Amino acid sequence: MHLLRIYAAGLLALGFLLVPARSEAAAGVRLGVGADYWVDASAAFNFTLGVEGHVAGPIFVGARFGAVLVTDGNIIGVPLDISIRANVGRTVYVEGLAGPWIFFKGDTFKAHAAFGFGLQGKAASIGVEVGYLEPNPIIGLRLGYKF
């Protein structure tokens, strides 16, 4: 348990180091909602707030956090992820996410890693996220709006 706390703190610190303090090119805040099927476990619904900064070319790095509700057992948690996102052309994005999710019932920390892709406009995006949330795979739909 102590090792997981160190991992979570280190991951959060790394996220703050990777996100630029100022960026001239499309740094922003992204609100997101998602609905997931957590294989052999439950459905999960989440609301997230993400911050991202431009690194180079089509690459952005950031962090996202928010609230998650797992319907089996009405478990509430906080998803914490570091993200790297690439814009492919004008309308397609791909991203990778990783971080601990903190739950307030049962196992406190669960590892999360995912790959997402989808379509984006100037502000709105829709996509699919496929990954792993300890101890099972997870797949879901994501809607986002960038300010």
C-alpha atoms as a PDB file:
ATOM      1  CA  MET A   1       0.000   0.000   0.000  1.00  0.00           C
ATOM      2  CA  HIS A   2       2.858   2.374   0.856  1.00  0.00           C
ATOM      3  CA  LEU A   3       4.484   1.696  -2.531  1.00  0.00           C
ATOM      4  CA  LEU A   4       1.245   2.619  -4.331  1.00  0.00           C
ATOM      5  CA  ARG A   5       1.123   5.974  -2.548  1.00  0.00           C
ATOM      6  CA  ILE A   6       4.693   6.703  -3.584  1.00  0.00           C
ATOM      7  CA  TYR A   7       3.822   5.675  -7.167  1.00  0.00           C
ATOM      8  CA  ALA A   8       0.766   7.969  -7.198  1.00  0.00           C
ATOM      9  CA  ALA A   9       2.700  10.952  -5.812  1.00  0.00           C
ATOM     10  CA  GLY A  10       5.550  10.419  -8.274  1.00  0.00           C
ATOM     11  CA  LEU A  11       3.177  10.126 -11.216  1.00  0.00           C
ATOM     12  CA  LEU A  12       1.364  13.311 -10.225  1.00  0.00           C
ATOM     13  CA  ALA A  13       4.669  15.180  -9.808  1.00  0.00           C
ATOM     14  CA  LEU A  14       5.828  13.939 -13.214  1.00  0.00           C
ATOM     15  CA  GLY A  15       2.606  15.210 -14.739  1.00  0.00           C
ATOM     16  CA  PHE A  16       3.156  18.693 -13.336  1.00  0.00           C
ATOM     17  CA  LEU A  17       6.717  18.684 -14.684  1.00  0.00           C
ATOM     18  CA  LEU A  18       5.636  17.595 -18.163  1.00  0.00           C
ATOM     19  CA  VAL A  19       2.808  20.106 -18.550  1.00  0.00           C
ATOM     20  CA  PRO A  20       4.309  23.401 -19.701  1.00  0.00           C
ATOM     21  CA  ALA A  21       3.505  26.444 -17.567  1.00  0.00           C
ATOM     22  CA  ARG A  22       2.943  28.582 -20.685  1.00  0.00           C
ATOM     23  CA  SER A  23       2.416  27.616 -24.256  1.00  0.00           C
ATOM     24  CA  GLU A  24       1.658  29.783 -27.220  1.00  0.00           C
ATOM     25  CA  ALA A  25       0.121  26.953 -29.259  1.00  0.00           C
ATOM     26  CA  ALA A  26      -3.243  25.639 -28.154  1.00  0.00           C
ATOM     27  CA  ALA A  27      -2.703  24.864 -24.495  1.00  0.00           C
ATOM     28  CA  GLY A  28      -6.042  24.320 -22.876  1.00  0.00           C
ATOM     29  CA  VAL A  29      -8.527  22.799 -20.539  1.00  0.00           C
ATOM     30  CA  ARG A  30     -10.709  19.875 -21.576  1.00  0.00           C
ATOM     31  CA  LEU A  31     -13.945  18.766 -19.902  1.00  0.00           C
ATOM     32  CA  GLY A  32     -14.868  15.145 -20.508  1.00  0.00           C
ATOM     33  CA  VAL A  33     -17.550  12.592 -19.766  1.00  0.00           C
ATOM     34  CA  GLY A  34     -17.277   8.871 -20.294  1.00  0.00           C
ATOM     35  CA  ALA A  35     -19.173   5.637 -20.031  1.00  0.00           C
ATOM     36  CA  ASP A  36     -17.201   2.401 -19.678  1.00  0.00           C
ATOM     37  CA  TYR A  37     -17.749  -1.337 -19.528  1.00  0.00           C
ATOM     38  CA  TRP A  38     -15.311  -2.751 -16.969  1.00  0.00           C
ATOM     39  CA  VAL A  39     -15.132  -6.378 -18.145  1.00  0.00           C
ATOM     40  CA  ASP A  40     -16.501  -8.871 -15.579  1.00  0.00           C
ATOM     41  CA  ALA A  41     -16.852  -6.072 -13.019  1.00  0.00           C
ATOM     42  CA  SER A  42     -19.377  -3.310 -13.728  1.00  0.00           C
ATOM     43  CA  ALA A  43     -20.237  -0.187 -15.640  1.00  0.00           C
ATOM     44  CA  ALA A  44     -18.359   3.000 -14.799  1.00  0.00           C
ATOM     45  CA  PHE A  45     -19.280   6.589 -15.548  1.00  0.00           C
ATOM     46  CA  ASN A  46     -16.804   9.429 -15.220  1.00  0.00           C
ATOM     47  CA  PHE A  47     -16.538  13.195 -15.409  1.00  0.00           C
ATOM     48  CA  THR A  48     -13.039  14.591 -15.913  1.00  0.00           C
ATOM     49  CA  LEU A  49     -11.165  17.828 -16.181  1.00  0.00           C
ATOM     50  CA  GLY A  50      -7.941  17.764 -18.145  1.00  0.00           C
ATOM     51  CA  VAL A  51      -5.176  20.287 -18.663  1.00  0.00           C
ATOM     52  CA  GLU A  52      -2.754  19.974 -21.536  1.00  0.00           C
ATOM     53  CA  GLY A  53       0.113  21.844 -23.062  1.00  0.00           C
ATOM     54  CA  HIS A  54       1.685  21.802 -26.488  1.00  0.00           C
ATOM     55  CA  VAL A  55       5.094  20.119 -26.657  1.00  0.00           C
ATOM     56  CA  ALA A  56       6.045  20.003 -30.343  1.00  0.00           C
ATOM     57  CA  GLY A  57       4.304  19.523 -33.661  1.00  0.00           C
ATOM     58  CA  PRO A  58       1.047  17.641 -33.073  1.00  0.00           C
ATOM     59  CA  ILE A  59       2.055  16.388 -29.583  1.00  0.00           C
ATOM     60  CA  PHE A  60       0.389  17.530 -26.346  1.00  0.00           C
ATOM     61  CA  VAL A  61       1.000  16.304 -22.790  1.00  0.00           C
ATOM     62  CA  GLY A  62      -1.210  16.794 -19.799  1.00  0.00           C
ATOM     63  CA  ALA A  63      -3.060  15.376 -16.872  1.00  0.00           C
ATOM     64  CA  ARG A  64      -6.695  14.596 -16.198  1.00  0.00           C
ATOM     65  CA  PHE A  65      -8.583  14.063 -12.972  1.00  0.00           C
ATOM     66  CA  GLY A  66     -12.193  13.965 -11.889  1.00  0.00           C
ATOM     67  CA  ALA A  67     -14.842  11.674 -10.468  1.00  0.00           C
ATOM     68  CA  VAL A  68     -15.906   8.126 -11.347  1.00  0.00           C
ATOM     69  CA  LEU A  69     -18.947   6.109 -10.295  1.00  0.00           C
ATOM     70  CA  VAL A  70     -18.758   2.312 -10.517  1.00  0.00           C
ATOM     71  CA  THR A  71     -22.350   1.098 -10.576  1.00  0.00           C
ATOM     72  CA  ASP A  72     -21.777  -2.304  -8.951  1.00  0.00           C
ATOM     73  CA  GLY A  73     -21.706  -1.332  -5.287  1.00  0.00           C
ATOM     74  CA  ASN A  74     -22.086   2.400  -5.970  1.00  0.00           C
ATOM     75  CA  ILE A  75     -18.364   2.974  -5.542  1.00  0.00           C
ATOM     76  CA  ILE A  76     -17.070   6.514  -6.015  1.00  0.00           C
ATOM     77  CA  GLY A  77     -13.507   7.274  -6.994  1.00  0.00           C
ATOM     78  CA  VAL A  78     -11.055   9.770  -8.440  1.00  0.00           C
ATOM     79  CA  PRO A  79      -9.338   8.971 -11.752  1.00  0.00           C
ATOM     80  CA  LEU A  80      -5.830  10.473 -12.049  1.00  0.00           C
ATOM     81  CA  ASP A  81      -4.087  10.082 -15.392  1.00  0.00           C
ATOM     82  CA  ILE A  82      -1.121  11.516 -17.241  1.00  0.00           C
ATOM     83  CA  SER A  83      -1.789  11.791 -20.965  1.00  0.00           C
ATOM     84  CA  ILE A  84       0.062  12.190 -24.216  1.00  0.00           C
ATOM     85  CA  ARG A  85      -2.086  13.126 -27.203  1.00  0.00           C
ATOM     86  CA  ALA A  86      -1.275  13.470 -30.886  1.00  0.00           C
ATOM     87  CA  ASN A  87      -3.451  15.156 -33.464  1.00  0.00           C
ATOM     88  CA  VAL A  88      -3.372  13.256 -36.744  1.00  0.00           C
ATOM     89  CA  GLY A  89      -4.460  15.626 -39.466  1.00  0.00           C
ATOM     90  CA  ARG A  90      -7.244  18.000 -38.541  1.00  0.00           C
ATOM     91  CA  THR A  91      -9.939  15.595 -37.364  1.00  0.00           C
ATOM     92  CA  VAL A  92      -8.337  12.530 -35.740  1.00  0.00           C
ATOM     93  CA  TYR A  93      -6.561  12.137 -32.405  1.00  0.00           C
ATOM     94  CA  VAL A  94      -4.760   9.292 -30.639  1.00  0.00           C
ATOM     95  CA  GLU A  95      -3.769   9.310 -26.982  1.00  0.00           C
ATOM     96  CA  GLY A  96      -2.173   7.244 -24.270  1.00  0.00           C
ATOM     97  CA  LEU A  97      -3.129   7.502 -20.599  1.00  0.00           C
ATOM     98  CA  ALA A  98      -1.754   6.015 -17.392  1.00  0.00           C
ATOM     99  CA  GLY A  99      -2.150   6.581 -13.694  1.00  0.00           C
ATOM    100  CA  PRO A 100      -3.713   5.458 -10.441  1.00  0.00           C
ATOM    101  CA  TRP A 101      -7.456   5.607  -9.827  1.00  0.00           C
ATOM    102  CA  ILE A 102      -8.382   6.103  -6.184  1.00  0.00           C
ATOM    103  CA  PHE A 103     -11.548   4.437  -4.857  1.00  0.00           C
ATOM    104  CA  PHE A 104     -13.287   5.157  -1.566  1.00  0.00           C
ATOM    105  CA  LYS A 105     -14.469   1.569  -0.998  1.00  0.00           C
ATOM    106  CA  GLY A 106     -12.630  -1.743  -1.368  1.00  0.00           C
ATOM    107  CA  ASP A 107      -9.130  -1.581  -2.870  1.00  0.00           C
ATOM    108  CA  THR A 108      -8.123   2.063  -2.616  1.00  0.00           C
ATOM    109  CA  PHE A 109      -5.648   2.278  -5.512  1.00  0.00           C
ATOM    110  CA  LYS A 110      -6.133   0.613  -8.894  1.00  0.00           C
ATOM    111  CA  ALA A 111      -3.695   0.873 -11.786  1.00  0.00           C
ATOM    112  CA  HIS A 112      -5.079   2.309 -15.036  1.00  0.00           C
ATOM    113  CA  ALA A 113      -3.556   2.398 -18.524  1.00  0.00           C
ATOM    114  CA  ALA A 114      -5.400   3.047 -21.778  1.00  0.00           C
ATOM    115  CA  PHE A 115      -5.174   3.913 -25.447  1.00  0.00           C
ATOM    116  CA  GLY A 116      -7.758   6.226 -26.984  1.00  0.00           C
ATOM    117  CA  PHE A 117      -8.602   7.446 -30.455  1.00  0.00           C
ATOM    118  CA  GLY A 118     -11.399   9.411 -32.049  1.00  0.00           C
ATOM    119  CA  LEU A 119     -12.628  12.394 -34.003  1.00  0.00           C
ATOM    120  CA  GLN A 120     -12.281  16.020 -32.999  1.00  0.00           C
ATOM    121  CA  GLY A 121     -13.510  19.374 -34.168  1.00  0.00           C
ATOM    122  CA  LYS A 122     -12.276  22.772 -33.067  1.00  0.00           C
ATOM    123  CA  ALA A 123     -13.605  22.242 -29.536  1.00  0.00           C
ATOM    124  CA  ALA A 124     -15.623  19.001 -29.309  1.00  0.00           C
ATOM    125  CA  SER A 125     -14.317  15.450 -29.560  1.00  0.00           C
ATOM    126  CA  ILE A 126     -15.748  11.931 -29.470  1.00  0.00           C
ATOM    127  CA  GLY A 127     -13.724   8.769 -29.144  1.00  0.00           C
ATOM    128  CA  VAL A 128     -13.158   5.296 -27.803  1.00  0.00           C
ATOM    129  CA  GLU A 129     -10.810   4.375 -24.978  1.00  0.00           C
ATOM    130  CA  VAL A 130      -9.533   0.799 -24.542  1.00  0.00           C
ATOM    131  CA  GLY A 131      -7.357  -0.209 -21.640  1.00  0.00           C
ATOM    132  CA  TYR A 132      -6.899  -1.860 -18.291  1.00  0.00           C
ATOM    133  CA  LEU A 133      -8.259  -0.931 -14.883  1.00  0.00           C
ATOM    134  CA  GLU A 134      -6.977  -3.361 -12.291  1.00  0.00           C
ATOM    135  CA  PRO A 135      -7.930  -6.238 -12.337  1.00  0.00           C
ATOM    136  CA  ASN A 136      -9.790  -6.281 -15.724  1.00  0.00           C
ATOM    137  CA  PRO A 137      -9.864  -4.720 -19.186  1.00  0.00           C
ATOM    138  CA  ILE A 138     -12.037  -1.637 -19.702  1.00  0.00           C
ATOM    139  CA  ILE A 139     -13.572  -0.128 -22.846  1.00  0.00           C
ATOM    140  CA  GLY A 140     -15.561   3.045 -23.117  1.00  0.00           C
ATOM    141  CA  LEU A 141     -16.880   6.031 -25.017  1.00  0.00           C
ATOM    142  CA  ARG A 142     -15.502   9.532 -24.376  1.00  0.00           C
ATOM    143  CA  LEU A 143     -16.977  12.935 -25.141  1.00  0.00           C
ATOM    144  CA  GLY A 144     -14.872  16.029 -24.623  1.00  0.00           C
ATOM    145  CA  TYR A 145     -14.995  19.782 -24.984  1.00  0.00           C
ATOM    146  CA  LYS A 146     -11.827  21.893 -25.071  1.00  0.00           C
ATOM    147  CA  PHE A 147     -11.812  25.504 -23.879  1.00  0.00           C
END
